[in-house]
């Protein structure tokens, strides 16, 4: 029986919390690492990163638009473009956006599959206006 090389994704936890037992920085693995990368990608504005002006998405810009079907469509499209351009580890399955105009927020749920995983996963974000 051939040994299958299983790809593992690792990333450090950006909260910089130390492991209480070892005292070392926590490491995120596989789906948790990919979820963190997706979250960072969606919440990063374009032109925010030096020397990588196209990295990120335009989702946060849409928070100041009137919440209607066009805004929901723009947010979905911005997420799809950002993921396809910058996250090769993810196969995007679906993006759902629910708008709550009374609270000036929208909840985004991204359904995806990590390329080397069989089971789908999801990432939920609540985006709010801050100004």
N, C-alpha and C. Protein backbone atom coordinates (compact mmCIF):
# COMPACT_ATOMS: atom_id res chain seq x y z
N UNK A 1 0.85 -1.18 0.00
CA UNK A 1 0.00 0.00 0.00
C UNK A 1 0.90 1.24 0.00
N UNK A 2 0.74 2.14 -0.98
CA UNK A 2 1.59 3.33 -1.04
C UNK A 2 1.25 4.31 0.07
N UNK A 3 2.28 4.98 0.54
CA UNK A 3 2.10 6.00 1.58
C UNK A 3 1.69 7.29 0.90
N UNK A 4 0.59 7.84 1.38
CA UNK A 4 0.08 9.08 0.81
C UNK A 4 0.66 10.27 1.57
N UNK A 5 1.22 11.19 0.84
CA UNK A 5 1.74 12.40 1.47
C UNK A 5 0.58 13.32 1.79
N UNK A 6 0.39 13.57 3.06
CA UNK A 6 -0.69 14.44 3.49
C UNK A 6 -0.14 15.83 3.75
N UNK A 7 -0.72 16.81 3.12
CA UNK A 7 -0.27 18.18 3.26
C UNK A 7 -0.87 18.75 4.54
N UNK A 8 -0.04 19.41 5.33
CA UNK A 8 -0.51 20.07 6.52
C UNK A 8 -0.21 21.56 6.40
N UNK A 9 -1.20 22.36 6.77
CA UNK A 9 -1.02 23.80 6.75
C UNK A 9 -0.83 24.27 8.18
N UNK A 10 0.14 25.16 8.37
CA UNK A 10 0.43 25.69 9.70
C UNK A 10 0.59 27.20 9.62
N UNK A 11 0.18 27.86 10.69
CA UNK A 11 0.34 29.30 10.78
C UNK A 11 0.37 29.66 12.27
N UNK A 12 1.06 30.72 12.60
CA UNK A 12 1.07 31.12 14.00
C UNK A 12 -0.20 31.89 14.32
N UNK A 13 -0.60 31.84 15.56
CA UNK A 13 -1.81 32.51 16.03
C UNK A 13 -1.50 33.99 16.21
N UNK A 14 -2.20 34.86 15.48
CA UNK A 14 -1.88 36.28 15.52
C UNK A 14 -2.33 36.97 16.81
N UNK A 15 -3.01 36.23 17.69
CA UNK A 15 -3.34 36.82 18.99
C UNK A 15 -2.13 36.83 19.90
N UNK A 16 -1.07 36.09 19.51
CA UNK A 16 0.19 36.00 20.24
C UNK A 16 0.01 35.51 21.68
N UNK A 17 -0.96 34.62 21.86
CA UNK A 17 -1.13 33.99 23.17
C UNK A 17 -0.15 32.84 23.28
N UNK A 18 0.46 32.72 24.42
CA UNK A 18 1.40 31.63 24.65
C UNK A 18 0.66 30.40 25.13
N UNK A 19 1.18 29.25 24.78
CA UNK A 19 0.65 28.00 25.27
C UNK A 19 0.91 27.96 26.77
N UNK A 20 -0.11 27.68 27.59
CA UNK A 20 0.09 27.74 29.04
C UNK A 20 1.06 26.68 29.58
N UNK A 21 1.23 25.59 28.83
CA UNK A 21 2.11 24.53 29.32
C UNK A 21 3.55 24.75 28.85
N UNK A 22 3.71 24.99 27.53
CA UNK A 22 5.06 25.11 26.98
C UNK A 22 5.59 26.53 27.00
N UNK A 23 4.70 27.52 27.04
CA UNK A 23 5.13 28.90 27.00
C UNK A 23 5.47 29.39 25.61
N UNK A 24 5.30 28.53 24.61
CA UNK A 24 5.60 28.90 23.23
C UNK A 24 4.35 29.46 22.55
N UNK A 25 4.58 30.12 21.42
CA UNK A 25 3.50 30.71 20.64
C UNK A 25 2.60 29.60 20.09
N UNK A 26 1.29 29.80 20.17
CA UNK A 26 0.35 28.81 19.64
C UNK A 26 0.45 28.72 18.13
N UNK A 27 0.28 27.53 17.61
CA UNK A 27 0.31 27.27 16.18
C UNK A 27 -1.07 26.78 15.75
N UNK A 28 -1.60 27.39 14.70
CA UNK A 28 -2.85 26.93 14.11
C UNK A 28 -2.51 25.92 13.02
N UNK A 29 -3.32 24.87 12.92
CA UNK A 29 -3.03 23.82 11.95
C UNK A 29 -4.24 23.58 11.06
N UNK A 30 -3.95 23.19 9.83
CA UNK A 30 -4.91 22.78 8.81
C UNK A 30 -6.08 23.73 8.66
N UNK A 31 -7.31 23.29 8.95
CA UNK A 31 -8.48 24.12 8.70
C UNK A 31 -8.47 25.41 9.52
N UNK A 32 -7.96 25.36 10.73
CA UNK A 32 -7.90 26.58 11.55
C UNK A 32 -6.96 27.60 10.93
N UNK A 33 -5.84 27.14 10.38
CA UNK A 33 -4.89 28.05 9.73
C UNK A 33 -5.50 28.65 8.47
N UNK A 34 -6.22 27.84 7.69
CA UNK A 34 -6.84 28.34 6.47
C UNK A 34 -7.97 29.31 6.80
N UNK A 35 -8.73 29.03 7.84
CA UNK A 35 -9.80 29.95 8.26
C UNK A 35 -9.22 31.31 8.66
N UNK A 36 -8.12 31.29 9.39
CA UNK A 36 -7.49 32.55 9.81
C UNK A 36 -7.00 33.33 8.60
N UNK A 37 -6.43 32.62 7.62
CA UNK A 37 -5.95 33.28 6.41
C UNK A 37 -7.12 33.87 5.62
N UNK A 38 -8.24 33.14 5.54
CA UNK A 38 -9.42 33.67 4.85
C UNK A 38 -9.95 34.91 5.54
N UNK A 39 -10.03 34.85 6.86
CA UNK A 39 -10.51 36.00 7.63
C UNK A 39 -9.62 37.22 7.39
N UNK A 40 -8.32 37.02 7.44
CA UNK A 40 -7.39 38.13 7.20
C UNK A 40 -7.53 38.67 5.79
N UNK A 41 -7.72 37.80 4.82
CA UNK A 41 -7.88 38.21 3.43
C UNK A 41 -9.14 39.06 3.24
N UNK A 42 -10.24 38.63 3.81
CA UNK A 42 -11.51 39.33 3.65
C UNK A 42 -11.49 40.68 4.36
N UNK A 43 -10.87 40.75 5.52
CA UNK A 43 -10.87 41.99 6.30
C UNK A 43 -9.77 42.96 5.93
N UNK A 44 -8.86 42.57 5.07
CA UNK A 44 -7.80 43.46 4.62
C UNK A 44 -8.28 44.27 3.43
N UNK A 45 -8.13 45.58 3.51
CA UNK A 45 -8.50 46.45 2.39
C UNK A 45 -7.42 46.41 1.32
N UNK A 46 -7.83 46.61 0.09
CA UNK A 46 -6.83 46.74 -0.96
C UNK A 46 -5.99 47.99 -0.69
N UNK A 47 -4.74 47.96 -1.09
CA UNK A 47 -3.76 49.04 -0.90
C UNK A 47 -3.38 49.21 0.57
N UNK A 48 -3.77 48.29 1.43
CA UNK A 48 -3.41 48.38 2.84
C UNK A 48 -2.04 47.79 3.12
N UNK A 49 -1.64 46.80 2.36
CA UNK A 49 -0.35 46.16 2.56
C UNK A 49 0.71 46.78 1.66
N UNK A 50 1.80 47.22 2.23
CA UNK A 50 2.87 47.77 1.39
C UNK A 50 3.43 46.71 0.45
N UNK A 51 3.71 47.11 -0.76
CA UNK A 51 4.29 46.27 -1.80
C UNK A 51 3.35 45.17 -2.29
N UNK A 52 2.14 45.09 -1.79
CA UNK A 52 1.13 44.15 -2.29
C UNK A 52 -0.20 44.88 -2.39
N UNK A 53 -0.33 45.83 -3.29
CA UNK A 53 -1.53 46.66 -3.33
C UNK A 53 -2.80 45.90 -3.73
N UNK A 54 -2.68 44.79 -4.42
CA UNK A 54 -3.87 44.05 -4.85
C UNK A 54 -4.32 43.01 -3.85
N UNK A 55 -3.58 42.82 -2.77
CA UNK A 55 -3.97 41.84 -1.76
C UNK A 55 -5.14 42.39 -0.95
N UNK A 56 -6.11 41.55 -0.68
CA UNK A 56 -7.25 41.94 0.14
C UNK A 56 -8.53 41.96 -0.67
N UNK A 57 -9.54 42.58 -0.10
CA UNK A 57 -10.84 42.65 -0.76
C UNK A 57 -11.45 44.04 -0.57
N UNK A 58 -12.57 44.25 -1.22
CA UNK A 58 -13.28 45.52 -1.12
C UNK A 58 -14.54 45.39 -0.27
N UNK A 59 -14.58 44.38 0.58
CA UNK A 59 -15.77 44.11 1.37
C UNK A 59 -16.05 45.23 2.36
N UNK A 60 -15.02 45.71 3.05
CA UNK A 60 -15.26 46.73 4.08
C UNK A 60 -15.72 48.05 3.47
N UNK A 61 -15.38 48.30 2.21
CA UNK A 61 -15.87 49.51 1.55
C UNK A 61 -17.38 49.46 1.37
N UNK A 62 -17.93 48.28 1.20
CA UNK A 62 -19.37 48.12 0.97
C UNK A 62 -20.20 48.34 2.22
N UNK A 63 -19.56 48.39 3.38
CA UNK A 63 -20.32 48.59 4.61
C UNK A 63 -20.95 49.97 4.70
N UNK A 64 -20.43 50.91 3.93
CA UNK A 64 -20.97 52.27 3.97
C UNK A 64 -21.95 52.55 2.84
N UNK A 65 -22.24 51.53 2.03
CA UNK A 65 -23.26 51.66 0.99
C UNK A 65 -24.63 51.40 1.59
N UNK A 66 -25.67 51.79 0.85
CA UNK A 66 -27.02 51.41 1.26
C UNK A 66 -27.15 49.90 1.15
N UNK A 67 -27.72 49.27 2.17
CA UNK A 67 -27.85 47.82 2.15
C UNK A 67 -29.03 47.42 1.28
N UNK A 68 -28.74 46.93 0.10
CA UNK A 68 -29.76 46.44 -0.81
C UNK A 68 -29.22 45.21 -1.53
N UNK A 69 -29.95 44.72 -2.50
CA UNK A 69 -29.52 43.51 -3.21
C UNK A 69 -28.23 43.74 -4.00
N UNK A 70 -28.02 44.95 -4.47
CA UNK A 70 -26.78 45.24 -5.19
C UNK A 70 -25.57 45.17 -4.26
N UNK A 71 -25.71 45.68 -3.05
CA UNK A 71 -24.62 45.62 -2.08
C UNK A 71 -24.31 44.18 -1.72
N UNK A 72 -25.33 43.37 -1.50
CA UNK A 72 -25.13 41.96 -1.19
C UNK A 72 -24.41 41.26 -2.34
N UNK A 73 -24.81 41.55 -3.55
CA UNK A 73 -24.17 40.96 -4.73
C UNK A 73 -22.72 41.41 -4.85
N UNK A 74 -22.43 42.68 -4.57
CA UNK A 74 -21.05 43.19 -4.62
C UNK A 74 -20.16 42.54 -3.57
N UNK A 75 -20.70 42.32 -2.38
CA UNK A 75 -19.93 41.68 -1.31
C UNK A 75 -19.61 40.24 -1.68
N UNK A 76 -20.59 39.53 -2.19
CA UNK A 76 -20.36 38.14 -2.61
C UNK A 76 -19.29 38.08 -3.70
N UNK A 77 -19.39 38.95 -4.67
CA UNK A 77 -18.43 38.96 -5.78
C UNK A 77 -17.03 39.35 -5.30
N UNK A 78 -16.94 40.31 -4.38
CA UNK A 78 -15.64 40.72 -3.85
C UNK A 78 -14.97 39.57 -3.10
N UNK A 79 -15.74 38.80 -2.35
CA UNK A 79 -15.20 37.65 -1.63
C UNK A 79 -14.73 36.58 -2.61
N UNK A 80 -15.54 36.31 -3.62
CA UNK A 80 -15.17 35.30 -4.61
C UNK A 80 -13.89 35.68 -5.35
N UNK A 81 -13.76 36.94 -5.72
CA UNK A 81 -12.56 37.39 -6.43
C UNK A 81 -11.33 37.32 -5.52
N UNK A 82 -11.46 37.77 -4.28
CA UNK A 82 -10.32 37.75 -3.36
C UNK A 82 -9.85 36.33 -3.09
N UNK A 83 -10.78 35.41 -2.89
CA UNK A 83 -10.41 34.03 -2.61
C UNK A 83 -9.77 33.38 -3.83
N UNK A 84 -10.34 33.60 -4.99
CA UNK A 84 -9.77 32.97 -6.19
C UNK A 84 -8.40 33.55 -6.54
N UNK A 85 -8.18 34.83 -6.25
CA UNK A 85 -6.90 35.46 -6.57
C UNK A 85 -5.79 35.16 -5.56
N UNK A 86 -6.14 35.01 -4.28
CA UNK A 86 -5.10 35.00 -3.25
C UNK A 86 -5.09 33.78 -2.33
N UNK A 87 -6.01 32.88 -2.46
CA UNK A 87 -6.02 31.73 -1.55
C UNK A 87 -6.16 30.43 -2.33
N UNK A 88 -5.04 29.88 -2.83
CA UNK A 88 -5.10 28.66 -3.64
C UNK A 88 -5.44 27.41 -2.84
N UNK A 89 -5.41 27.48 -1.51
CA UNK A 89 -5.72 26.30 -0.69
C UNK A 89 -7.20 26.07 -0.54
N UNK A 90 -8.03 27.01 -1.02
CA UNK A 90 -9.47 26.96 -0.77
C UNK A 90 -10.24 26.76 -2.07
N UNK A 91 -11.19 25.83 -2.01
CA UNK A 91 -12.17 25.68 -3.09
C UNK A 91 -13.48 26.25 -2.53
N UNK A 92 -13.90 27.36 -3.08
CA UNK A 92 -15.08 28.08 -2.59
C UNK A 92 -16.34 27.35 -3.02
N UNK A 93 -17.23 27.06 -2.08
CA UNK A 93 -18.48 26.37 -2.37
C UNK A 93 -19.65 27.35 -2.45
N UNK A 94 -19.76 28.24 -1.47
CA UNK A 94 -20.89 29.17 -1.43
C UNK A 94 -20.55 30.33 -0.52
N UNK A 95 -21.16 31.48 -0.80
CA UNK A 95 -21.04 32.66 0.05
C UNK A 95 -22.45 33.16 0.31
N UNK A 96 -22.78 33.33 1.57
CA UNK A 96 -24.10 33.84 1.95
C UNK A 96 -23.93 35.11 2.77
N UNK A 97 -24.72 36.10 2.44
CA UNK A 97 -24.65 37.40 3.11
C UNK A 97 -26.04 37.74 3.62
N UNK A 98 -26.15 38.02 4.91
CA UNK A 98 -27.40 38.47 5.52
C UNK A 98 -27.18 39.88 6.05
N UNK A 99 -28.06 40.78 5.66
CA UNK A 99 -27.91 42.19 6.01
C UNK A 99 -28.89 42.54 7.12
N UNK A 100 -28.41 43.28 8.11
CA UNK A 100 -29.27 43.83 9.16
C UNK A 100 -29.07 45.33 9.18
N UNK A 101 -29.86 46.07 8.37
CA UNK A 101 -29.64 47.51 8.25
C UNK A 101 -29.89 48.29 9.55
N UNK A 102 -30.76 47.78 10.43
CA UNK A 102 -31.02 48.48 11.68
C UNK A 102 -29.79 48.52 12.59
N UNK A 103 -28.95 47.52 12.47
CA UNK A 103 -27.75 47.46 13.29
C UNK A 103 -26.49 47.82 12.50
N UNK A 104 -26.67 48.26 11.26
CA UNK A 104 -25.56 48.65 10.38
C UNK A 104 -24.50 47.55 10.27
N UNK A 105 -24.96 46.33 10.07
CA UNK A 105 -24.01 45.22 9.97
C UNK A 105 -24.50 44.20 8.97
N UNK A 106 -23.59 43.33 8.60
CA UNK A 106 -23.95 42.21 7.74
C UNK A 106 -23.17 40.99 8.23
N UNK A 107 -23.83 39.86 8.16
CA UNK A 107 -23.15 38.62 8.53
C UNK A 107 -22.84 37.86 7.24
N UNK A 108 -21.60 37.41 7.15
CA UNK A 108 -21.12 36.71 5.97
C UNK A 108 -20.73 35.31 6.40
N UNK A 109 -21.22 34.32 5.68
CA UNK A 109 -20.84 32.93 5.91
C UNK A 109 -20.24 32.40 4.62
N UNK A 110 -19.02 31.92 4.72
CA UNK A 110 -18.29 31.41 3.57
C UNK A 110 -18.18 29.89 3.74
N UNK A 111 -18.73 29.16 2.79
CA UNK A 111 -18.62 27.71 2.78
C UNK A 111 -17.52 27.33 1.81
N UNK A 112 -16.58 26.54 2.28
CA UNK A 112 -15.42 26.21 1.47
C UNK A 112 -14.92 24.81 1.79
N UNK A 113 -14.03 24.33 0.96
CA UNK A 113 -13.35 23.08 1.19
C UNK A 113 -11.86 23.33 1.03
N UNK A 114 -11.08 22.89 2.00
CA UNK A 114 -9.63 22.98 1.87
C UNK A 114 -9.22 21.93 0.84
N UNK A 115 -8.29 22.28 -0.02
CA UNK A 115 -7.96 21.46 -1.18
C UNK A 115 -7.62 20.03 -0.81
N UNK A 116 -6.89 19.78 0.25
CA UNK A 116 -6.51 18.42 0.58
C UNK A 116 -7.46 17.75 1.56
N UNK A 117 -8.59 18.36 1.87
CA UNK A 117 -9.56 17.81 2.81
C UNK A 117 -10.82 17.37 2.07
N UNK A 118 -11.47 16.36 2.57
CA UNK A 118 -12.70 15.87 1.94
C UNK A 118 -13.94 16.58 2.47
N UNK A 119 -13.89 17.02 3.70
CA UNK A 119 -15.08 17.59 4.32
C UNK A 119 -15.11 19.11 4.16
N UNK A 120 -16.28 19.67 3.89
CA UNK A 120 -16.39 21.13 3.79
C UNK A 120 -16.32 21.78 5.16
N UNK A 121 -16.04 23.06 5.14
CA UNK A 121 -15.93 23.84 6.37
C UNK A 121 -16.60 25.19 6.12
N UNK A 122 -16.77 25.97 7.16
CA UNK A 122 -17.38 27.29 6.99
C UNK A 122 -16.71 28.30 7.90
N UNK A 123 -16.78 29.54 7.47
CA UNK A 123 -16.26 30.67 8.23
C UNK A 123 -17.36 31.72 8.31
N UNK A 124 -17.69 32.14 9.50
CA UNK A 124 -18.72 33.16 9.69
C UNK A 124 -18.09 34.42 10.25
N UNK A 125 -18.46 35.54 9.65
CA UNK A 125 -17.98 36.85 10.07
C UNK A 125 -19.16 37.80 10.23
N UNK A 126 -19.07 38.68 11.19
CA UNK A 126 -20.03 39.77 11.32
C UNK A 126 -19.28 41.05 11.05
N UNK A 127 -19.70 41.76 10.02
CA UNK A 127 -19.04 43.00 9.62
C UNK A 127 -19.92 44.17 10.02
N UNK A 128 -19.33 45.14 10.71
CA UNK A 128 -20.07 46.31 11.18
C UNK A 128 -19.37 47.59 10.75
N UNK A 129 -20.16 48.62 10.58
CA UNK A 129 -19.59 49.94 10.34
C UNK A 129 -18.96 50.44 11.63
N UNK A 130 -17.83 51.08 11.52
CA UNK A 130 -17.18 51.57 12.74
C UNK A 130 -17.19 53.09 12.84
N UNK A 131 -17.57 53.77 11.79
CA UNK A 131 -17.62 55.22 11.85
C UNK A 131 -18.98 55.71 11.45
